[in-house]
PDB file of all heavy atoms in Angstrom:
ATOM      1  N   ARG A   1     122.800  78.330  54.944  1.00  0.00           N
ATOM      2  CA  ARG A   1     121.608  78.690  54.305  1.00  0.00           C
ATOM      3  C   ARG A   1     121.209  80.110  54.469  1.00  0.00           C
ATOM      4  O   ARG A   1     121.585  80.649  55.552  1.00  0.00           O
ATOM      5  CB  ARG A   1     120.416  77.764  54.722  1.00  0.00           C
ATOM      6  CG  ARG A   1     120.659  76.297  54.436  1.00  0.00           C
ATOM      7  CD  ARG A   1     119.375  75.472  54.967  1.00  0.00           C
ATOM      8  NE  ARG A   1     119.597  74.025  54.683  1.00  0.00           N
ATOM      9  CZ  ARG A   1     118.733  73.167  55.083  1.00  0.00           C
ATOM     10  NH1 ARG A   1     117.615  73.488  55.711  1.00  0.00           N
ATOM     11  NH2 ARG A   1     119.017  71.838  54.817  1.00  0.00           N
ATOM     12  N   PRO A   2     120.581  80.836  53.574  1.00  0.00           N
ATOM     13  CA  PRO A   2     120.132  82.130  53.855  1.00  0.00           C
ATOM     14  C   PRO A   2     119.190  82.116  55.080  1.00  0.00           C
ATOM     15  O   PRO A   2     118.395  81.227  55.300  1.00  0.00           O
ATOM     16  CB  PRO A   2     119.367  82.579  52.507  1.00  0.00           C
ATOM     17  CG  PRO A   2     119.896  81.584  51.459  1.00  0.00           C
ATOM     18  CD  PRO A   2     120.249  80.349  52.262  1.00  0.00           C
ATOM     19  N   LEU A   3     119.251  83.175  55.778  1.00  0.00           N
ATOM     20  CA  LEU A   3     118.418  83.348  56.964  1.00  0.00           C
ATOM     21  C   LEU A   3     117.306  84.365  56.810  1.00  0.00           C
ATOM     22  O   LEU A   3     117.472  85.433  56.222  1.00  0.00           O
ATOM     23  CB  LEU A   3     119.368  83.825  58.108  1.00  0.00           C
ATOM     24  CG  LEU A   3     118.726  83.897  59.533  1.00  0.00           C
ATOM     25  CD1 LEU A   3     118.327  82.502  60.009  1.00  0.00           C
ATOM     26  CD2 LEU A   3     119.742  84.488  60.459  1.00  0.00           C
ATOM     27  N   ASP A   4     116.127  83.975  57.325  1.00  0.00           N
ATOM     28  CA  ASP A   4     114.961  84.849  57.330  1.00  0.00           C
ATOM     29  C   ASP A   4     115.265  86.107  58.127  1.00  0.00           C
ATOM     30  O   ASP A   4     115.336  85.929  59.376  1.00  0.00           O
ATOM     31  CB  ASP A   4     113.810  84.095  57.732  1.00  0.00           C
ATOM     32  CG  ASP A   4     112.503  84.946  57.713  1.00  0.00           C
ATOM     33  OD1 ASP A   4     112.587  86.059  57.140  1.00  0.00           O
ATOM     34  OD2 ASP A   4     111.496  84.479  58.166  1.00  0.00           O
ATOM     35  N   ARG A   5     115.379  87.225  57.564  1.00  0.00           N
ATOM     36  CA  ARG A   5     115.563  88.432  58.356  1.00  0.00           C
ATOM     37  C   ARG A   5     114.389  89.238  58.585  1.00  0.00           C
ATOM     38  O   ARG A   5     114.394  90.481  58.852  1.00  0.00           O
ATOM     39  CB  ARG A   5     116.742  89.273  57.726  1.00  0.00           C
ATOM     40  CG  ARG A   5     118.022  88.490  57.736  1.00  0.00           C
ATOM     41  CD  ARG A   5     119.140  89.393  57.087  1.00  0.00           C
ATOM     42  NE  ARG A   5     120.402  88.734  57.110  1.00  0.00           N
ATOM     43  CZ  ARG A   5     121.335  88.779  58.084  1.00  0.00           C
ATOM     44  NH1 ARG A   5     121.019  89.501  59.123  1.00  0.00           N
ATOM     45  NH2 ARG A   5     122.490  88.142  58.070  1.00  0.00           N
ATOM     46  N   SER A   6     113.166  88.705  58.291  1.00  0.00           N
ATOM     47  CA  SER A   6     111.933  89.370  58.553  1.00  0.00           C
ATOM     48  C   SER A   6     111.723  89.573  60.038  1.00  0.00           C
ATOM     49  O   SER A   6     112.333  88.812  60.833  1.00  0.00           O
ATOM     50  CB  SER A   6     110.871  88.614  57.850  1.00  0.00           C
ATOM     51  OG  SER A   6     110.623  87.345  58.542  1.00  0.00           O
ATOM     52  N   PRO A   7     110.877  90.439  60.437  1.00  0.00           N
ATOM     53  CA  PRO A   7     110.553  90.554  61.860  1.00  0.00           C
ATOM     54  C   PRO A   7     110.163  89.214  62.443  1.00  0.00           C
ATOM     55  O   PRO A   7     110.402  88.916  63.614  1.00  0.00           O
ATOM     56  CB  PRO A   7     109.470  91.591  61.877  1.00  0.00           C
ATOM     57  CG  PRO A   7     109.693  92.419  60.646  1.00  0.00           C
ATOM     58  CD  PRO A   7     110.135  91.488  59.637  1.00  0.00           C
ATOM     59  N   GLU A   8     109.465  88.379  61.653  1.00  0.00           N
ATOM     60  CA  GLU A   8     108.998  87.135  62.168  1.00  0.00           C
ATOM     61  C   GLU A   8     110.014  86.159  62.369  1.00  0.00           C
ATOM     62  O   GLU A   8     110.057  85.257  63.176  1.00  0.00           O
ATOM     63  CB  GLU A   8     107.910  86.539  61.255  1.00  0.00           C
ATOM     64  CG  GLU A   8     106.658  87.319  61.138  1.00  0.00           C
ATOM     65  CD  GLU A   8     106.688  88.545  60.224  1.00  0.00           C
ATOM     66  OE1 GLU A   8     107.714  88.706  59.518  1.00  0.00           O
ATOM     67  OE2 GLU A   8     105.824  89.435  60.348  1.00  0.00           O
ATOM     68  N   GLY A   9     111.108  86.239  61.563  1.00  0.00           N
ATOM     69  CA  GLY A   9     112.204  85.278  61.597  1.00  0.00           C
ATOM     70  C   GLY A   9     113.409  85.708  62.387  1.00  0.00           C
ATOM     71  O   GLY A   9     114.431  84.978  62.438  1.00  0.00           O
ATOM     72  N   ALA A  10     113.516  86.957  62.792  1.00  0.00           N
ATOM     73  CA  ALA A  10     114.679  87.474  63.463  1.00  0.00           C
ATOM     74  C   ALA A  10     114.616  87.369  64.959  1.00  0.00           C
ATOM     75  O   ALA A  10     113.626  87.679  65.547  1.00  0.00           O
ATOM     76  CB  ALA A  10     114.867  89.013  63.055  1.00  0.00           C
ATOM     77  N   ALA A  11     115.673  86.932  65.463  1.00  0.00           N
ATOM     78  CA  ALA A  11     115.914  86.940  66.926  1.00  0.00           C
ATOM     79  C   ALA A  11     117.367  86.786  67.189  1.00  0.00           C
ATOM     80  O   ALA A  11     117.880  85.654  67.440  1.00  0.00           O
ATOM     81  CB  ALA A  11     115.117  85.697  67.585  1.00  0.00           C
ATOM     82  N   TRP A  12     118.101  87.921  67.026  1.00  0.00           N
ATOM     83  CA  TRP A  12     119.538  87.823  66.946  1.00  0.00           C
ATOM     84  C   TRP A  12     120.176  87.690  68.320  1.00  0.00           C
ATOM     85  O   TRP A  12     121.110  86.991  68.584  1.00  0.00           O
ATOM     86  CB  TRP A  12     120.047  89.005  66.191  1.00  0.00           C
ATOM     87  CG  TRP A  12     119.335  89.248  65.012  1.00  0.00           C
ATOM     88  CD1 TRP A  12     118.662  90.346  64.561  1.00  0.00           C
ATOM     89  CD2 TRP A  12     119.211  88.389  63.797  1.00  0.00           C
ATOM     90  NE1 TRP A  12     118.062  90.185  63.324  1.00  0.00           N
ATOM     91  CE2 TRP A  12     118.400  88.996  62.880  1.00  0.00           C
ATOM     92  CE3 TRP A  12     119.679  87.064  63.560  1.00  0.00           C
ATOM     93  CZ2 TRP A  12     118.064  88.387  61.709  1.00  0.00           C
ATOM     94  CZ3 TRP A  12     119.386  86.518  62.422  1.00  0.00           C
ATOM     95  CH2 TRP A  12     118.591  87.087  61.452  1.00  0.00           C
ATOM     96  N   ALA A  13     119.937  88.760  69.144  1.00  0.00           N
ATOM     97  CA  ALA A  13     120.766  89.001  70.181  1.00  0.00           C
ATOM     98  C   ALA A  13     120.561  88.138  71.383  1.00  0.00           C
ATOM     99  O   ALA A  13     119.485  87.568  71.570  1.00  0.00           O
ATOM    100  CB  ALA A  13     120.593  90.407  70.620  1.00  0.00           C
ATOM    101  N   VAL A  14     121.674  88.011  72.199  1.00  0.00           N
ATOM    102  CA  VAL A  14     121.560  87.404  73.482  1.00  0.00           C
ATOM    103  C   VAL A  14     120.650  88.336  74.281  1.00  0.00           C
ATOM    104  O   VAL A  14     120.794  89.551  74.179  1.00  0.00           O
ATOM    105  CB  VAL A  14     122.969  87.338  74.128  1.00  0.00           C
ATOM    106  CG1 VAL A  14     122.817  87.010  75.584  1.00  0.00           C
ATOM    107  CG2 VAL A  14     123.853  86.373  73.370  1.00  0.00           C
ATOM    108  N   PRO A  15     119.750  87.840  74.990  1.00  0.00           N
ATOM    109  CA  PRO A  15     118.777  88.687  75.792  1.00  0.00           C
ATOM    110  C   PRO A  15     119.484  89.487  76.887  1.00  0.00           C
ATOM    111  O   PRO A  15     120.522  89.075  77.255  1.00  0.00           O
ATOM    112  CB  PRO A  15     117.827  87.750  76.371  1.00  0.00           C
ATOM    113  CG  PRO A  15     118.606  86.461  76.436  1.00  0.00           C
ATOM    114  CD  PRO A  15     119.482  86.421  75.311  1.00  0.00           C
ATOM    115  N   ALA A  16     118.857  90.573  77.320  1.00  0.00           N
ATOM    116  CA  ALA A  16     119.367  91.258  78.436  1.00  0.00           C
ATOM    117  C   ALA A  16     119.426  90.368  79.629  1.00  0.00           C
ATOM    118  O   ALA A  16     118.574  89.589  79.847  1.00  0.00           O
ATOM    119  CB  ALA A  16     118.556  92.504  78.734  1.00  0.00           C
ATOM    120  N   GLY A  17     120.371  90.512  80.482  1.00  0.00           N
ATOM    121  CA  GLY A  17     120.571  89.590  81.641  1.00  0.00           C
ATOM    122  C   GLY A  17     119.524  89.873  82.713  1.00  0.00           C
ATOM    123  O   GLY A  17     118.726  88.988  83.039  1.00  0.00           O
ATOM    124  N   ARG A  18     119.585  90.994  83.328  1.00  0.00           N
ATOM    125  CA  ARG A  18     118.706  91.254  84.427  1.00  0.00           C
ATOM    126  C   ARG A  18     117.385  91.850  83.854  1.00  0.00           C
ATOM    127  O   ARG A  18     117.349  92.431  82.755  1.00  0.00           O
ATOM    128  CB  ARG A  18     119.224  92.227  85.477  1.00  0.00           C
ATOM    129  CG  ARG A  18     120.386  91.658  86.222  1.00  0.00           C
ATOM    130  CD  ARG A  18     121.009  92.600  87.163  1.00  0.00           C
ATOM    131  NE  ARG A  18     120.011  93.048  88.137  1.00  0.00           N
ATOM    132  CZ  ARG A  18     119.923  94.197  88.784  1.00  0.00           C
ATOM    133  NH1 ARG A  18     120.852  95.071  88.515  1.00  0.00           N
ATOM    134  NH2 ARG A  18     118.989  94.474  89.580  1.00  0.00           N
ATOM    135  N   ALA A  19     116.345  91.634  84.551  1.00  0.00           N
ATOM    136  CA  ALA A  19     115.022  92.092  84.055  1.00  0.00           C
ATOM    137  C   ALA A  19     114.963  93.602  84.174  1.00  0.00           C
ATOM    138  O   ALA A  19     115.183  94.194  85.193  1.00  0.00           O
ATOM    139  CB  ALA A  19     113.935  91.518  84.947  1.00  0.00           C
ATOM    140  N   ARG A  20     114.717  94.223  83.036  1.00  0.00           N
ATOM    141  CA  ARG A  20     114.636  95.643  82.910  1.00  0.00           C
ATOM    142  C   ARG A  20     113.277  96.121  82.282  1.00  0.00           C
ATOM    143  O   ARG A  20     113.269  97.029  81.383  1.00  0.00           O
ATOM    144  CB  ARG A  20     115.771  96.258  82.150  1.00  0.00           C
ATOM    145  CG  ARG A  20     117.135  96.030  82.923  1.00  0.00           C
ATOM    146  CD  ARG A  20     117.184  96.927  84.186  1.00  0.00           C
ATOM    147  NE  ARG A  20     118.470  96.716  84.778  1.00  0.00           N
ATOM    148  CZ  ARG A  20     118.749  97.331  85.977  1.00  0.00           C
ATOM    149  NH1 ARG A  20     117.882  98.082  86.661  1.00  0.00           N
ATOM    150  NH2 ARG A  20     119.936  97.099  86.594  1.00  0.00           N
ATOM    151  N   ALA A  21     112.280  95.425  82.610  1.00  0.00           N
ATOM    152  CA  ALA A  21     110.964  95.651  81.999  1.00  0.00           C
ATOM    153  C   ALA A  21     110.549  97.216  82.293  1.00  0.00           C
ATOM    154  O   ALA A  21     109.881  97.818  81.443  1.00  0.00           O
ATOM    155  CB  ALA A  21     109.825  94.813  82.535  1.00  0.00           C
ATOM    156  N   SER A  22     111.023  97.769  83.372  1.00  0.00           N
ATOM    157  CA  SER A  22     110.677  99.118  83.687  1.00  0.00           C
ATOM    158  C   SER A  22     111.342 100.088  82.649  1.00  0.00           C
ATOM    159  O   SER A  22     111.065 101.287  82.658  1.00  0.00           O
ATOM    160  CB  SER A  22     111.101  99.451  85.121  1.00  0.00           C
ATOM    161  OG  SER A  22     112.479  99.250  85.301  1.00  0.00           O
ATOM    162  N   GLN A  23     112.253  99.645  81.922  1.00  0.00           N
ATOM    163  CA  GLN A  23     113.035 100.387  80.942  1.00  0.00           C
ATOM    164  C   GLN A  23     112.756 100.008  79.594  1.00  0.00           C
ATOM    165  O   GLN A  23     113.619  99.870  78.701  1.00  0.00           O
ATOM    166  CB  GLN A  23     114.527 100.405  81.285  1.00  0.00           C
ATOM    167  CG  GLN A  23     114.806 100.991  82.705  1.00  0.00           C
ATOM    168  CD  GLN A  23     116.350 100.900  82.969  1.00  0.00           C
ATOM    169  OE1 GLN A  23     117.142 100.830  82.100  1.00  0.00           O
ATOM    170  NE2 GLN A  23     116.658 100.844  84.308  1.00  0.00           N
ATOM    171  N   GLY A  24     111.548  99.469  79.341  1.00  0.00           N
ATOM    172  CA  GLY A  24     111.241  99.052  77.987  1.00  0.00           C
ATOM    173  C   GLY A  24     111.606  97.651  77.606  1.00  0.00           C
ATOM    174  O   GLY A  24     111.551  97.330  76.425  1.00  0.00           O
TER     175      GLY A  24
END
């Protein structure tokens, strides 16, 4: 099926592993 590529429907990537909140 077509995928919602809007900001609300997008969540593509595997998240960063270690916490890097200090770097955005």
